[in-house]
Amino acid sequence: QVQLVESGGGLVQPGGSLRLSCSASGGFASDFHVIAWFRQVPGKEREGIAAIASHDGSVYYSESVKGRFTISRDNANKMGYLQMNSLEPEDTGVYYCAAGGVGWPVARMWPVANEYDYWGQGTQVTVSS
């Protein structure tokens, strides 16, 4: 059984940085073909903000985080990371790690939450002075 566990959230001032980690266990390498990060705020749908594919390391970002966030992964240790810099109050939300993506057209499908097979429990990020 695949499990994803996020860590690294917390309270940070505007302009600050945080690094989120996603630890995966169980499953096969194909279960983690794509690792992605989603963000959700109350009353809104879960938003895909970054994804990384295992086969070629391709990365994808939403316009809202491009240039500020960096996604990475360590395949050997089944870890995913999201480095978040220049944080803004609008980045506040619960951040989820997701995995899946076998057989996808990754460039098109990565922001679609329903396409992922596995999810973590989420970690809260609050950007406030």
Protein backbone atom coordinates (compact mmCIF):
# COMPACT_ATOMS: atom_id res chain seq x y z
CA GLN A 1 0.00 0.00 0.00
CA VAL A 2 1.30 3.40 -1.00
CA GLN A 3 1.54 6.07 1.66
CA LEU A 4 2.57 9.69 1.26
CA VAL A 5 3.52 11.86 4.22
CA GLU A 6 4.16 15.58 3.92
CA SER A 7 6.24 17.63 6.32
CA GLY A 8 7.81 21.06 6.54
CA GLY A 9 4.79 23.32 6.74
CA GLY A 10 4.46 26.12 9.24
CA LEU A 11 4.13 29.83 9.80
CA VAL A 12 6.42 32.14 7.84
CA GLN A 13 6.54 35.87 7.23
CA PRO A 14 5.96 37.31 3.76
CA GLY A 15 9.14 37.07 1.73
CA GLY A 16 10.31 34.05 3.67
CA SER A 17 10.99 30.48 2.58
CA LEU A 18 9.88 26.99 3.43
CA ARG A 19 10.82 23.57 2.14
CA LEU A 20 8.16 20.90 2.04
CA SER A 21 9.02 17.22 1.91
CA CYS A 22 6.96 14.27 0.74
CA SER A 23 8.02 10.84 1.91
CA ALA A 24 6.62 7.88 -0.02
CA SER A 25 6.48 4.27 1.06
CA GLY A 26 5.14 1.07 -0.41
CA GLY A 27 4.16 0.54 -4.01
CA PHE A 28 6.30 0.32 -7.09
CA ALA A 29 8.34 2.90 -8.96
CA SER A 30 5.53 3.25 -11.49
CA ASP A 31 3.23 4.46 -8.72
CA PHE A 32 5.36 7.59 -8.47
CA HIS A 33 5.80 8.35 -12.14
CA VAL A 34 4.61 11.86 -11.41
CA ILE A 35 4.93 13.57 -8.05
CA ALA A 36 2.97 16.77 -7.66
CA TRP A 37 2.10 19.38 -5.11
CA PHE A 38 -1.37 20.81 -4.75
CA ARG A 39 -2.61 23.65 -2.61
CA GLN A 40 -6.07 24.14 -1.16
CA VAL A 41 -7.70 27.02 0.67
CA PRO A 42 -11.16 26.92 2.27
CA GLY A 43 -13.94 27.31 -0.25
CA LYS A 44 -11.73 26.67 -3.28
CA GLU A 45 -10.79 23.65 -5.32
CA ARG A 46 -7.45 21.97 -4.89
CA GLU A 47 -4.96 23.75 -7.16
CA GLY A 48 -2.06 22.01 -8.85
CA ILE A 49 1.04 24.13 -8.37
CA ALA A 50 3.99 21.94 -9.37
CA ALA A 51 4.80 18.50 -10.72
CA ILE A 52 7.85 16.49 -11.70
CA ALA A 53 8.05 13.39 -13.86
CA SER A 54 10.42 10.53 -13.09
CA HIS A 55 11.33 9.41 -16.62
CA ASP A 56 12.97 12.62 -17.77
CA GLY A 57 12.77 14.99 -14.81
CA SER A 58 10.42 17.35 -16.60
CA VAL A 59 8.97 19.95 -14.26
CA TYR A 60 5.75 21.91 -14.47
CA TYR A 61 4.53 24.92 -12.51
CA SER A 62 1.41 26.96 -12.23
CA GLU A 63 1.71 30.61 -13.16
CA SER A 64 1.04 31.58 -9.54
CA VAL A 65 4.29 29.99 -8.29
CA LYS A 66 6.56 29.98 -11.35
CA GLY A 67 9.90 31.57 -10.53
CA ARG A 68 9.40 31.29 -6.79
CA PHE A 69 8.88 27.57 -6.14
CA THR A 70 11.12 24.68 -7.16
CA ILE A 71 10.04 21.05 -7.23
CA SER A 72 12.51 18.20 -7.03
CA ARG A 73 12.62 14.50 -6.26
CA ASP A 74 14.95 11.79 -5.03
CA ASN A 75 13.85 8.62 -6.77
CA ALA A 76 16.19 6.34 -4.86
CA ASN A 77 14.70 7.40 -1.55
CA LYS A 78 11.14 7.97 -2.78
CA MET A 79 11.17 11.59 -1.69
CA GLY A 80 9.65 14.69 -3.21
CA TYR A 81 10.41 18.28 -2.29
CA LEU A 82 8.97 21.71 -2.83
CA GLN A 83 11.25 24.67 -2.14
CA MET A 84 9.12 27.76 -1.67
CA ASN A 85 10.78 31.18 -1.79
CA SER A 86 9.44 34.72 -1.73
CA LEU A 87 6.31 33.52 -0.03
CA GLU A 88 3.23 35.70 -0.17
CA PRO A 89 0.07 35.72 1.98
CA GLU A 90 -1.76 34.30 -1.05
CA ASP A 91 0.36 31.14 -0.72
CA THR A 92 -1.38 30.28 2.53
CA GLY A 93 -3.19 26.96 2.42
CA VAL A 94 -2.93 23.24 2.98
CA TYR A 95 -0.30 21.68 0.73
CA TYR A 96 -0.75 18.13 -0.49
CA CYS A 97 1.66 15.75 -2.11
CA ALA A 98 0.20 13.50 -4.81
CA ALA A 99 1.57 10.64 -6.88
CA GLY A 100 0.50 8.75 -9.95
CA GLY A 101 0.62 9.42 -13.64
CA VAL A 102 1.36 6.13 -15.37
CA GLY A 103 0.37 6.38 -19.02
CA TRP A 104 -0.44 10.06 -18.87
CA PRO A 105 0.31 12.88 -21.20
CA VAL A 106 2.03 14.57 -18.27
CA ALA A 107 2.27 18.05 -19.74
CA ARG A 108 -1.50 18.20 -20.07
CA MET A 109 -2.70 16.17 -17.10
CA TRP A 110 -0.44 17.15 -14.25
CA PRO A 111 -2.74 19.82 -12.70
CA VAL A 112 -5.81 17.56 -12.68
CA ALA A 113 -6.30 16.41 -9.09
CA ASN A 114 -8.68 13.56 -9.92
CA GLU A 115 -6.03 11.84 -12.05
CA TYR A 116 -3.72 11.10 -9.12
CA ASP A 117 -3.87 7.76 -7.34
CA TYR A 118 -2.27 8.62 -4.03
CA TRP A 119 -2.42 11.58 -1.66
CA GLY A 120 -0.81 12.65 1.56
CA GLN A 121 -2.69 14.08 4.50
CA GLY A 122 -1.56 17.65 3.85
CA THR A 123 0.58 20.17 5.69
CA GLN A 124 -0.49 23.70 6.60
CA VAL A 125 1.47 26.66 5.28
CA THR A 126 0.60 30.07 6.68
CA VAL A 127 2.23 33.22 5.34
CA SER A 128 1.54 36.12 7.64
CA SER A 129 3.27 38.93 9.43
